N, C-alpha and C. Protein backbone atom coordinates (compact mmCIF):
# COMPACT_ATOMS: atom_id res chain seq x y z
N MET A 1 -30.02 -34.57 -1.14
CA MET A 1 -29.04 -33.50 -1.10
C MET A 1 -29.44 -32.56 0.03
N GLY A 2 -28.52 -32.29 0.93
CA GLY A 2 -28.80 -31.42 2.07
C GLY A 2 -28.95 -29.97 1.64
N LYS A 3 -29.55 -29.18 2.53
CA LYS A 3 -29.79 -27.76 2.23
C LYS A 3 -28.48 -27.00 2.01
N SER A 4 -27.48 -27.27 2.84
CA SER A 4 -26.21 -26.54 2.70
C SER A 4 -25.48 -26.92 1.41
N LYS A 5 -25.56 -28.18 1.00
CA LYS A 5 -24.92 -28.59 -0.25
C LYS A 5 -25.64 -27.97 -1.44
N LEU A 6 -26.96 -27.89 -1.39
CA LEU A 6 -27.73 -27.26 -2.45
C LEU A 6 -27.38 -25.78 -2.56
N GLU A 7 -27.26 -25.10 -1.43
CA GLU A 7 -26.88 -23.69 -1.44
C GLU A 7 -25.49 -23.49 -2.02
N LEU A 8 -24.58 -24.39 -1.73
CA LEU A 8 -23.23 -24.31 -2.28
C LEU A 8 -23.25 -24.47 -3.80
N VAL A 9 -24.00 -25.44 -4.29
CA VAL A 9 -24.09 -25.68 -5.74
C VAL A 9 -24.71 -24.47 -6.43
N VAL A 10 -25.77 -23.93 -5.87
CA VAL A 10 -26.41 -22.75 -6.45
C VAL A 10 -25.46 -21.56 -6.43
N GLY A 11 -24.74 -21.37 -5.34
CA GLY A 11 -23.78 -20.26 -5.24
C GLY A 11 -22.68 -20.35 -6.27
N VAL A 12 -22.13 -21.55 -6.46
CA VAL A 12 -21.08 -21.74 -7.47
C VAL A 12 -21.64 -21.48 -8.86
N PHE A 13 -22.84 -21.96 -9.13
CA PHE A 13 -23.46 -21.76 -10.44
C PHE A 13 -23.67 -20.27 -10.72
N VAL A 14 -24.16 -19.53 -9.73
CA VAL A 14 -24.37 -18.09 -9.89
C VAL A 14 -23.04 -17.38 -10.09
N LEU A 15 -22.02 -17.75 -9.35
CA LEU A 15 -20.70 -17.14 -9.48
C LEU A 15 -20.11 -17.37 -10.87
N VAL A 16 -20.22 -18.59 -11.37
CA VAL A 16 -19.74 -18.89 -12.73
C VAL A 16 -20.53 -18.08 -13.76
N GLY A 17 -21.81 -17.93 -13.56
CA GLY A 17 -22.64 -17.13 -14.47
C GLY A 17 -22.23 -15.67 -14.49
N ILE A 18 -21.97 -15.10 -13.33
CA ILE A 18 -21.56 -13.69 -13.26
C ILE A 18 -20.19 -13.49 -13.91
N ILE A 19 -19.26 -14.38 -13.65
CA ILE A 19 -17.93 -14.29 -14.27
C ILE A 19 -18.04 -14.43 -15.78
N SER A 20 -18.85 -15.36 -16.25
CA SER A 20 -19.04 -15.55 -17.69
C SER A 20 -19.67 -14.32 -18.33
N LEU A 21 -20.65 -13.74 -17.68
CA LEU A 21 -21.29 -12.54 -18.21
C LEU A 21 -20.30 -11.38 -18.31
N GLY A 22 -19.46 -11.20 -17.30
CA GLY A 22 -18.45 -10.15 -17.35
C GLY A 22 -17.45 -10.37 -18.47
N TYR A 23 -16.99 -11.61 -18.62
CA TYR A 23 -16.03 -11.93 -19.68
C TYR A 23 -16.64 -11.67 -21.06
N LEU A 24 -17.85 -12.13 -21.28
CA LEU A 24 -18.49 -11.94 -22.57
C LEU A 24 -18.79 -10.47 -22.84
N SER A 25 -19.12 -9.71 -21.82
CA SER A 25 -19.36 -8.28 -21.99
C SER A 25 -18.11 -7.57 -22.49
N ILE A 26 -16.97 -7.96 -21.93
CA ILE A 26 -15.71 -7.34 -22.35
C ILE A 26 -15.34 -7.78 -23.76
N LYS A 27 -15.43 -9.07 -24.05
CA LYS A 27 -15.02 -9.58 -25.36
C LYS A 27 -15.97 -9.15 -26.48
N LEU A 28 -17.26 -9.29 -26.28
CA LEU A 28 -18.22 -8.95 -27.33
C LEU A 28 -18.39 -7.44 -27.47
N GLY A 29 -18.21 -6.72 -26.38
CA GLY A 29 -18.30 -5.26 -26.43
C GLY A 29 -17.02 -4.63 -26.91
N LYS A 30 -16.01 -5.44 -27.14
CA LYS A 30 -14.70 -4.98 -27.62
C LYS A 30 -14.13 -3.90 -26.72
N LEU A 31 -14.29 -4.07 -25.42
CA LEU A 31 -13.73 -3.13 -24.46
C LEU A 31 -12.27 -3.44 -24.24
N GLU A 32 -11.47 -2.41 -24.15
CA GLU A 32 -10.06 -2.57 -23.85
C GLU A 32 -9.84 -2.08 -22.43
N ILE A 33 -9.37 -2.96 -21.58
CA ILE A 33 -9.18 -2.60 -20.18
C ILE A 33 -7.90 -1.79 -19.99
N ILE A 34 -6.81 -2.22 -20.60
CA ILE A 34 -5.52 -1.57 -20.43
C ILE A 34 -5.04 -1.05 -21.79
N GLY A 35 -4.83 0.27 -21.91
CA GLY A 35 -4.28 0.84 -23.12
C GLY A 35 -5.20 0.76 -24.32
N GLY A 36 -6.47 0.84 -24.11
CA GLY A 36 -7.42 0.68 -25.20
C GLY A 36 -7.55 1.88 -26.11
N ASP A 37 -7.16 3.06 -25.66
CA ASP A 37 -7.35 4.25 -26.47
C ASP A 37 -6.08 4.66 -27.22
N LEU A 38 -5.12 3.77 -27.33
CA LEU A 38 -3.88 4.07 -28.02
C LEU A 38 -3.72 3.20 -29.25
N TYR A 39 -3.19 3.78 -30.31
CA TYR A 39 -2.85 3.01 -31.49
C TYR A 39 -1.74 3.73 -32.24
N GLU A 40 -0.99 3.00 -33.02
CA GLU A 40 0.14 3.55 -33.74
C GLU A 40 -0.20 3.67 -35.22
N VAL A 41 0.21 4.79 -35.81
CA VAL A 41 -0.03 5.04 -37.23
C VAL A 41 1.31 5.29 -37.90
N ASP A 42 1.58 4.61 -39.00
CA ASP A 42 2.78 4.83 -39.80
C ASP A 42 2.38 5.49 -41.12
N ALA A 43 3.19 6.45 -41.56
CA ALA A 43 2.91 7.14 -42.82
C ALA A 43 4.22 7.44 -43.53
N LEU A 44 4.19 7.41 -44.84
CA LEU A 44 5.34 7.77 -45.68
C LEU A 44 4.98 9.00 -46.49
N PHE A 45 5.89 10.00 -46.48
CA PHE A 45 5.68 11.23 -47.21
C PHE A 45 6.85 11.46 -48.16
N ASN A 46 6.57 12.08 -49.30
CA ASN A 46 7.64 12.45 -50.23
C ASN A 46 8.49 13.57 -49.63
N SER A 47 7.85 14.50 -48.95
CA SER A 47 8.55 15.60 -48.32
C SER A 47 7.98 15.82 -46.92
N ALA A 48 8.87 15.96 -45.96
CA ALA A 48 8.43 16.20 -44.58
C ALA A 48 9.06 17.48 -44.05
N SER A 49 9.21 18.46 -44.93
CA SER A 49 9.83 19.71 -44.50
C SER A 49 8.92 20.41 -43.48
N GLY A 50 9.53 20.93 -42.45
CA GLY A 50 8.78 21.61 -41.41
C GLY A 50 8.34 20.69 -40.28
N LEU A 51 8.50 19.40 -40.46
CA LEU A 51 8.14 18.46 -39.40
C LEU A 51 9.36 18.14 -38.56
N LYS A 52 9.15 18.02 -37.26
CA LYS A 52 10.23 17.66 -36.35
C LYS A 52 9.83 16.42 -35.57
N SER A 53 10.81 15.64 -35.20
CA SER A 53 10.54 14.45 -34.40
C SER A 53 9.95 14.84 -33.05
N GLY A 54 8.84 14.22 -32.68
CA GLY A 54 8.19 14.50 -31.41
C GLY A 54 7.22 15.66 -31.45
N ALA A 55 6.99 16.26 -32.62
CA ALA A 55 6.06 17.38 -32.73
C ALA A 55 4.63 16.90 -32.48
N THR A 56 3.79 17.82 -32.01
CA THR A 56 2.39 17.46 -31.75
C THR A 56 1.63 17.27 -33.06
N ILE A 57 0.62 16.43 -33.00
CA ILE A 57 -0.26 16.18 -34.14
C ILE A 57 -1.61 16.77 -33.78
N GLU A 58 -2.14 17.59 -34.67
CA GLU A 58 -3.42 18.25 -34.41
C GLU A 58 -4.41 17.95 -35.52
N ILE A 59 -5.66 17.80 -35.13
CA ILE A 59 -6.76 17.68 -36.09
C ILE A 59 -7.77 18.75 -35.72
N ALA A 60 -8.05 19.64 -36.64
CA ALA A 60 -8.97 20.76 -36.43
C ALA A 60 -8.56 21.58 -35.20
N GLY A 61 -7.26 21.74 -35.00
CA GLY A 61 -6.75 22.55 -33.91
C GLY A 61 -6.70 21.87 -32.56
N VAL A 62 -7.07 20.60 -32.50
CA VAL A 62 -7.06 19.85 -31.25
C VAL A 62 -5.92 18.85 -31.27
N GLU A 63 -5.07 18.88 -30.24
CA GLU A 63 -3.94 17.96 -30.17
C GLU A 63 -4.46 16.54 -29.97
N VAL A 64 -4.01 15.63 -30.87
CA VAL A 64 -4.46 14.23 -30.79
C VAL A 64 -3.29 13.26 -30.64
N GLY A 65 -2.07 13.77 -30.64
CA GLY A 65 -0.94 12.87 -30.49
C GLY A 65 0.38 13.59 -30.61
N ARG A 66 1.44 12.77 -30.64
CA ARG A 66 2.82 13.26 -30.81
C ARG A 66 3.52 12.42 -31.84
């Protein structure tokens, strides 16, 4: 096996390793690349007096949603 062919094989192997490591880091780390910090919550109330559609949602005085 020539030197240039060996370098090519090693380069491809390293590239596949780096891509695999990145993929596993995202999947096992449960990272969300796009829209990861959003989720939808549904709730049913007997009475919703005083609530308006599109009103802000606050927890301990901090706005956390709409």
